[in-house]
Amino acid sequence: MMTLTEKIKQKIEEALPGAEVEVNSGDQVHFQARVVASQFQGLSRVQQQQKVYTALGDLISTGEVHALSLQTVSKG
């Protein structure tokens, strides 16, 4: 069975093919994610983060993920 950390990583990778995704959590409640993606090129930091939050929509709306610290970086 996948951990929530693995689920978050998988959902981001599916939404942003080719992205470098790192997700960490010490307690499976609070998560830190770093996403480096070419899809972020030309987007503001807010727009980059919106792409990630959209990918995690169902996990966020169900309350599975409620504490996510997110760092996004444009690749390319």
C-alpha atoms as a PDB file:
ATOM      1  CA  MET A   1       0.000   0.000   0.000  1.00  0.00           C
ATOM      2  CA  MET A   2       1.262   3.461  -0.918  1.00  0.00           C
ATOM      3  CA  THR A   3       2.043   6.011   1.732  1.00  0.00           C
ATOM      4  CA  LEU A   4       0.447   9.418   1.408  1.00  0.00           C
ATOM      5  CA  THR A   5       3.888  10.843   0.605  1.00  0.00           C
ATOM      6  CA  GLU A   6       4.157   8.443  -2.347  1.00  0.00           C
ATOM      7  CA  LYS A   7       0.613   9.287  -3.485  1.00  0.00           C
ATOM      8  CA  ILE A   8       1.388  13.008  -3.489  1.00  0.00           C
ATOM      9  CA  LYS A   9       4.577  12.432  -5.497  1.00  0.00           C
ATOM     10  CA  GLN A  10       2.768  10.214  -8.008  1.00  0.00           C
ATOM     11  CA  LYS A  11      -0.094  12.677  -8.549  1.00  0.00           C
ATOM     12  CA  ILE A  12       2.312  15.555  -9.177  1.00  0.00           C
ATOM     13  CA  GLU A  13       4.400  13.458 -11.584  1.00  0.00           C
ATOM     14  CA  GLU A  14       1.265  12.416 -13.498  1.00  0.00           C
ATOM     15  CA  ALA A  15       0.122  16.041 -13.828  1.00  0.00           C
ATOM     16  CA  LEU A  16       3.572  17.361 -14.752  1.00  0.00           C
ATOM     17  CA  PRO A  17       5.338  14.698 -16.849  1.00  0.00           C
ATOM     18  CA  GLY A  18       9.116  14.950 -16.646  1.00  0.00           C
ATOM     19  CA  ALA A  19       9.060  16.987 -13.446  1.00  0.00           C
ATOM     20  CA  GLU A  20      11.575  16.328 -10.701  1.00  0.00           C
ATOM     21  CA  VAL A  21       9.456  15.804  -7.585  1.00  0.00           C
ATOM     22  CA  GLU A  22      10.623  15.364  -4.018  1.00  0.00           C
ATOM     23  CA  VAL A  23       8.093  14.959  -1.206  1.00  0.00           C
ATOM     24  CA  ASN A  24       8.969  14.553   2.463  1.00  0.00           C
ATOM     25  CA  SER A  25       6.995  14.104   5.652  1.00  0.00           C
ATOM     26  CA  GLY A  26       8.057  13.242   9.141  1.00  0.00           C
ATOM     27  CA  ASP A  27       4.552  12.382  10.296  1.00  0.00           C
ATOM     28  CA  GLN A  28       2.364  11.783   7.187  1.00  0.00           C
ATOM     29  CA  VAL A  29       0.377  14.889   8.171  1.00  0.00           C
ATOM     30  CA  HIS A  30       2.727  17.766   7.348  1.00  0.00           C
ATOM     31  CA  PHE A  31       4.342  17.576   3.912  1.00  0.00           C
ATOM     32  CA  GLN A  32       7.119  19.422   2.116  1.00  0.00           C
ATOM     33  CA  ALA A  33       7.324  19.213  -1.672  1.00  0.00           C
ATOM     34  CA  ARG A  34       9.888  20.540  -4.132  1.00  0.00           C
ATOM     35  CA  VAL A  35       8.847  20.442  -7.772  1.00  0.00           C
ATOM     36  CA  VAL A  36      11.145  21.346 -10.663  1.00  0.00           C
ATOM     37  CA  ALA A  37       9.260  21.391 -13.969  1.00  0.00           C
ATOM     38  CA  SER A  38       9.638  22.808 -17.462  1.00  0.00           C
ATOM     39  CA  GLN A  39       5.856  23.417 -17.405  1.00  0.00           C
ATOM     40  CA  PHE A  40       6.509  26.269 -14.954  1.00  0.00           C
ATOM     41  CA  GLN A  41       8.506  28.306 -17.462  1.00  0.00           C
ATOM     42  CA  GLY A  42       7.027  31.777 -17.883  1.00  0.00           C
ATOM     43  CA  LEU A  43       4.572  31.324 -15.004  1.00  0.00           C
ATOM     44  CA  SER A  44       4.477  33.321 -11.793  1.00  0.00           C
ATOM     45  CA  ARG A  45       5.198  31.517  -8.516  1.00  0.00           C
ATOM     46  CA  VAL A  46       1.458  31.571  -7.728  1.00  0.00           C
ATOM     47  CA  GLN A  47       0.594  30.028 -11.113  1.00  0.00           C
ATOM     48  CA  GLN A  48       3.253  27.343 -10.594  1.00  0.00           C
ATOM     49  CA  GLN A  49       1.836  26.457  -7.207  1.00  0.00           C
ATOM     50  CA  GLN A  50      -1.716  26.423  -8.584  1.00  0.00           C
ATOM     51  CA  LYS A  51      -0.653  23.737 -11.082  1.00  0.00           C
ATOM     52  CA  VAL A  52       0.576  21.564  -8.214  1.00  0.00           C
ATOM     53  CA  TYR A  53      -2.481  22.187  -6.028  1.00  0.00           C
ATOM     54  CA  THR A  54      -4.725  21.310  -8.988  1.00  0.00           C
ATOM     55  CA  ALA A  55      -2.895  17.989  -9.318  1.00  0.00           C
ATOM     56  CA  LEU A  56      -3.563  17.299  -5.632  1.00  0.00           C
ATOM     57  CA  GLY A  57      -7.169  18.522  -5.718  1.00  0.00           C
ATOM     58  CA  ASP A  58      -8.862  15.349  -4.501  1.00  0.00           C
ATOM     59  CA  LEU A  59      -6.315  14.764  -1.728  1.00  0.00           C
ATOM     60  CA  ILE A  60      -6.771  18.335  -0.524  1.00  0.00           C
ATOM     61  CA  SER A  61     -10.579  18.424  -0.836  1.00  0.00           C
ATOM     62  CA  THR A  62     -10.953  15.204   1.171  1.00  0.00           C
ATOM     63  CA  GLY A  63      -8.673  16.561   3.881  1.00  0.00           C
ATOM     64  CA  GLU A  64      -6.028  13.845   3.393  1.00  0.00           C
ATOM     65  CA  VAL A  65      -3.519  16.621   2.719  1.00  0.00           C
ATOM     66  CA  HIS A  66      -4.023  19.790   4.684  1.00  0.00           C
ATOM     67  CA  ALA A  67      -0.500  20.970   5.472  1.00  0.00           C
ATOM     68  CA  LEU A  68       1.760  21.297   2.431  1.00  0.00           C
ATOM     69  CA  SER A  69       4.852  23.468   2.185  1.00  0.00           C
ATOM     70  CA  LEU A  70       5.564  23.868  -1.519  1.00  0.00           C
ATOM     71  CA  GLN A  71       8.638  25.026  -3.418  1.00  0.00           C
ATOM     72  CA  THR A  72       8.365  25.275  -7.216  1.00  0.00           C
ATOM     73  CA  VAL A  73      11.225  25.854  -9.629  1.00  0.00           C
ATOM     74  CA  SER A  74      11.114  26.380 -13.390  1.00  0.00           C
ATOM     75  CA  LYS A  75      13.348  24.004 -15.341  1.00  0.00           C
ATOM     76  CA  GLY A  76      14.691  24.925 -18.718  1.00  0.00           C
END
